[in-house]
Protein backbone atom coordinates (compact mmCIF):
# COMPACT_ATOMS: atom_id res chain seq x y z
CA MET A 1 9.32 -2.11 -80.30
CA ARG A 2 9.33 -3.79 -76.92
CA GLU A 3 10.86 -6.89 -78.50
CA ARG A 4 13.73 -4.95 -80.14
CA GLY A 5 14.63 -2.96 -77.01
CA PRO A 6 16.33 -5.79 -75.11
CA THR A 7 18.09 -6.86 -78.30
CA LEU A 8 19.53 -3.37 -78.86
CA ILE A 9 20.68 -3.19 -75.24
CA ALA A 10 22.33 -6.61 -75.51
CA VAL A 11 24.10 -5.65 -78.75
CA THR A 12 25.25 -2.33 -77.27
CA LEU A 13 26.62 -4.07 -74.17
CA LEU A 14 28.34 -6.68 -76.33
CA MET A 15 29.99 -3.98 -78.48
CA ALA A 16 31.11 -2.13 -75.35
CA LEU A 17 32.56 -5.36 -73.96
CA VAL A 18 34.45 -6.04 -77.22
CA ALA A 19 35.77 -2.46 -77.36
CA GLY A 20 36.83 -2.58 -73.71
CA THR A 21 38.59 -5.92 -74.19
CA TRP A 22 40.41 -4.63 -77.28
CA TRP A 23 41.52 -1.47 -75.44
CA ALA A 24 42.73 -3.46 -72.41
CA ALA A 25 44.68 -5.89 -74.60
CA ASP A 26 46.27 -3.01 -76.54
CA TYR A 27 47.16 -1.17 -73.31
CA VAL A 28 48.80 -4.25 -71.77
CA GLN A 29 50.74 -4.94 -74.97
CA ARG A 30 52.12 -1.39 -75.00
CA ALA A 31 52.74 -1.17 -71.25
CA VAL A 32 54.49 -4.52 -70.72
CA PRO A 33 57.39 -5.39 -73.08
CA ILE A 34 56.83 -8.89 -74.38
CA ASP A 35 60.40 -9.28 -75.64
CA PRO A 36 62.67 -7.00 -73.57
CA PRO A 37 65.94 -6.05 -75.26
CA ALA A 38 68.86 -8.32 -74.54
CA ARG A 39 71.28 -6.99 -71.93
CA LEU A 40 74.69 -6.19 -73.36
CA THR A 41 77.56 -6.77 -70.97
CA HIS A 42 81.26 -6.36 -71.63
CA GLU A 43 81.79 -10.02 -72.42
CA PRO A 44 83.30 -11.34 -75.65
CA ASP A 45 80.96 -12.87 -78.22
CA SER A 46 83.68 -14.02 -80.60
CA TRP A 47 87.41 -14.64 -80.45
CA ALA A 48 90.30 -15.87 -82.57
CA GLY A 49 93.91 -16.89 -82.18
CA ARG A 50 96.84 -15.77 -84.33
CA PHE A 51 94.76 -13.47 -86.48
CA VAL A 52 95.45 -10.72 -89.04
CA MET A 53 93.15 -7.77 -89.87
CA ILE A 54 93.88 -5.70 -92.99
CA ARG A 55 92.32 -2.36 -93.90
CA THR A 56 92.54 -1.06 -97.44
CA GLY A 57 92.27 2.41 -98.94
CA PRO A 58 89.77 3.50 -101.61
CA ASP A 59 92.05 2.04 -104.28
CA GLY A 60 92.04 -1.39 -102.62
CA VAL A 61 95.68 -1.21 -101.51
CA ALA A 62 96.42 -2.27 -97.91
CA ILE A 63 97.24 0.71 -95.68
CA ASN A 64 96.93 -0.76 -92.16
CA ARG A 65 97.49 -4.19 -90.68
CA LEU A 66 96.71 -5.39 -87.15
CA GLU A 67 97.78 -8.81 -85.92
CA GLY A 68 98.27 -10.62 -82.64
CA LEU A 69 98.30 -13.91 -80.77
CA ALA A 70 94.66 -13.61 -79.66
CA MET A 71 91.66 -11.38 -80.39
CA ARG A 72 88.32 -10.86 -78.61
CA HIS A 73 85.29 -8.90 -79.84
CA TYR A 74 82.94 -7.16 -77.38
CA PRO A 75 79.41 -6.46 -78.67
CA ASP A 76 78.48 -3.78 -76.12
CA ASP A 77 80.86 -1.21 -77.63
CA ASP A 78 81.89 -3.16 -80.78
CA SER A 79 85.55 -3.04 -79.75
CA TYR A 80 88.39 -5.52 -80.25
CA GLU A 81 91.05 -6.48 -77.72
CA VAL A 82 94.31 -7.96 -78.95
CA ASP A 83 97.10 -9.73 -77.05
CA HIS A 84 100.72 -9.20 -78.14
CA ALA A 85 99.58 -6.75 -80.79
CA ARG A 86 101.53 -5.58 -83.83
CA ALA A 87 100.15 -2.78 -86.03
CA THR A 88 101.72 -1.77 -89.34
CA GLY A 89 100.97 1.46 -91.18
CA GLN A 90 101.99 1.59 -94.82
CA HIS A 91 100.46 4.68 -96.40
CA ALA A 92 101.81 5.49 -99.85
CA ASP A 93 102.77 9.06 -98.89
CA ALA A 94 104.56 8.22 -95.63
CA PRO A 95 107.29 5.94 -94.25
CA VAL A 96 106.26 2.53 -92.92
CA THR A 97 105.61 2.39 -89.16
CA ILE A 98 105.51 -0.75 -87.00
CA SER A 99 103.89 -0.61 -83.57
CA ARG A 100 104.03 -3.26 -80.84
CA ALA A 101 102.52 -3.66 -77.37
CA ASP A 102 101.55 -6.31 -74.85
CA HIS A 103 97.89 -5.41 -75.32
CA ALA A 104 95.81 -3.31 -77.74
CA THR A 105 92.21 -2.12 -77.90
CA MET A 106 90.69 -1.06 -81.22
CA ASP A 107 87.40 0.83 -81.37
CA ALA A 108 84.44 -0.06 -83.58
CA GLU A 109 85.47 1.99 -86.59
CA GLY A 110 89.12 1.05 -86.39
CA THR A 111 90.07 4.74 -86.26
CA ARG A 112 91.73 4.51 -82.83
CA ILE A 113 94.01 1.84 -81.37
CA VAL A 114 95.29 2.05 -77.80
CA MET A 115 98.59 0.20 -77.39
CA GLN A 116 99.19 -0.63 -73.71
CA GLY A 117 102.19 -2.18 -71.96
CA ASN A 118 105.71 -1.86 -73.41
CA ALA A 119 104.23 0.15 -76.28
CA ARG A 120 106.59 1.07 -79.09
CA VAL A 121 106.27 2.71 -82.50
CA HIS A 122 109.14 2.32 -84.94
CA ARG A 123 109.37 4.35 -88.15
CA LEU A 124 111.58 2.68 -90.71
CA PRO A 125 114.42 4.79 -92.17
CA ASP A 126 114.31 6.09 -95.73
CA LEU A 127 116.72 7.96 -98.01
CA GLU A 128 115.96 11.29 -96.32
CA ARG A 129 115.50 10.43 -92.65
CA ALA A 130 116.94 8.15 -90.02
CA GLU A 131 114.78 5.68 -88.14
CA LEU A 132 112.54 7.00 -85.37
CA ASP A 133 111.59 5.06 -82.27
CA VAL A 134 108.98 6.08 -79.67
CA GLN A 135 108.50 4.09 -76.45
CA SER A 136 105.99 4.57 -73.65
CA GLU A 137 103.70 2.54 -71.42
CA ARG A 138 100.71 3.70 -73.47
CA LEU A 139 100.53 4.95 -77.06
CA VAL A 140 97.38 5.88 -78.96
CA LEU A 141 97.40 5.29 -82.73
CA TYR A 142 95.12 7.00 -85.24
CA PRO A 143 95.68 4.82 -88.32
CA ASP A 144 93.67 6.93 -90.80
CA GLU A 145 95.58 10.09 -89.85
CA ASP A 146 98.90 8.21 -89.41
CA VAL A 147 99.38 9.87 -86.01
CA VAL A 148 100.56 8.52 -82.65
CA GLU A 149 100.33 10.30 -79.31
CA THR A 150 100.59 9.81 -75.56
CA ASP A 151 100.20 11.91 -72.43
CA LEU A 152 102.54 9.67 -70.42
CA PRO A 153 106.36 9.74 -70.13
CA ALA A 154 107.94 8.75 -73.45
CA THR A 155 111.38 8.14 -74.91
CA VAL A 156 112.00 9.28 -78.49
CA VAL A 157 115.07 8.07 -80.37
CA ASN A 158 115.59 9.86 -83.69
CA GLY A 159 118.70 8.44 -85.28
CA PRO A 160 121.55 9.29 -82.88
CA HIS A 161 119.45 11.76 -80.85
CA VAL A 162 117.48 10.84 -77.72
CA MET A 163 114.70 12.81 -76.04
CA TYR A 164 112.85 12.08 -72.79
CA GLY A 165 109.59 13.86 -72.17
CA ILE A 166 106.04 13.75 -70.88
CA GLY A 167 103.37 13.93 -73.56
CA MET A 168 104.17 13.49 -77.24
CA ARG A 169 102.51 13.63 -80.68
CA TYR A 170 104.06 12.37 -83.91
CA ASP A 171 102.52 12.93 -87.36
CA ASN A 172 104.04 10.45 -89.78
CA ARG A 173 102.71 12.17 -92.89
CA SER A 174 104.27 15.55 -92.13
CA ARG A 175 107.14 13.93 -90.15
CA THR A 176 106.58 16.37 -87.30
CA LEU A 177 107.24 15.48 -83.66
CA GLN A 178 105.93 17.43 -80.67
CA VAL A 179 107.12 16.70 -77.14
CA PHE A 180 105.01 18.70 -74.71
CA SER A 181 107.29 18.59 -71.67
CA ALA A 182 110.89 17.68 -72.47
CA THR A 183 112.96 16.73 -69.44
CA ASP A 184 116.23 15.83 -71.16
CA VAL A 185 117.66 15.88 -74.66
CA LYS A 186 120.80 14.08 -75.76
CA ILE A 187 122.29 15.08 -79.09
CA SER A 188 124.97 12.79 -80.44
CA GLY A 189 128.48 14.22 -80.03
CA GLN A 190 127.48 16.55 -77.19
CA GLU A 191 127.44 16.04 -73.46
CA THR A 192 124.21 16.04 -71.54
CA VAL A 193 123.25 16.30 -67.92
CA PRO A 194 122.09 13.11 -66.16
CA ARG A 195 118.51 12.25 -67.02
CA PRO A 196 116.15 13.25 -64.17
CA LYS A 197 113.55 10.84 -62.90
CA ILE A 198 110.20 11.12 -64.66
CA PRO A 199 107.24 10.84 -62.27
CA GLY A 200 104.83 8.00 -62.96
């Protein structure tokens, strides 16, 4: 019995040492990240020149088209920036619209495009309606809904009629136009007062 006592103590100490080492290694591995996540900054990870992006509907027919002279993709928010952008909406149940701007930003899902700098949306005429033209410094497009809006001063030309206002929303599917704060309206064939200055 005296001979086995030291052996049992040595084995017990060895097991305690192994268990302690395992616990310490596990604790360090959980406490200190071995591979910390990569930092995402707003820097492009891919780019292209003179590109065209086409989105199709469930039936495979093209409904939206975005093109420009240059494109950059940003991984931090999965957005796209486009220089000299041109966006075309061609839904089957609505007139064709063509949008242009000096710069555009499209979000990750492609459901929102911000057209910035000399922004313009042009609805082509059809048999029932004259052409419609909306101009502002900033226009926001919602391609899936076929809607354009802005909260800045805008000029709307609907055939021979001209409207100046601040804040606007146009639904191309229902062909409805809302101008939230009209400052001047010019109807062809009628006189109008001089257009006041729009702040901003």
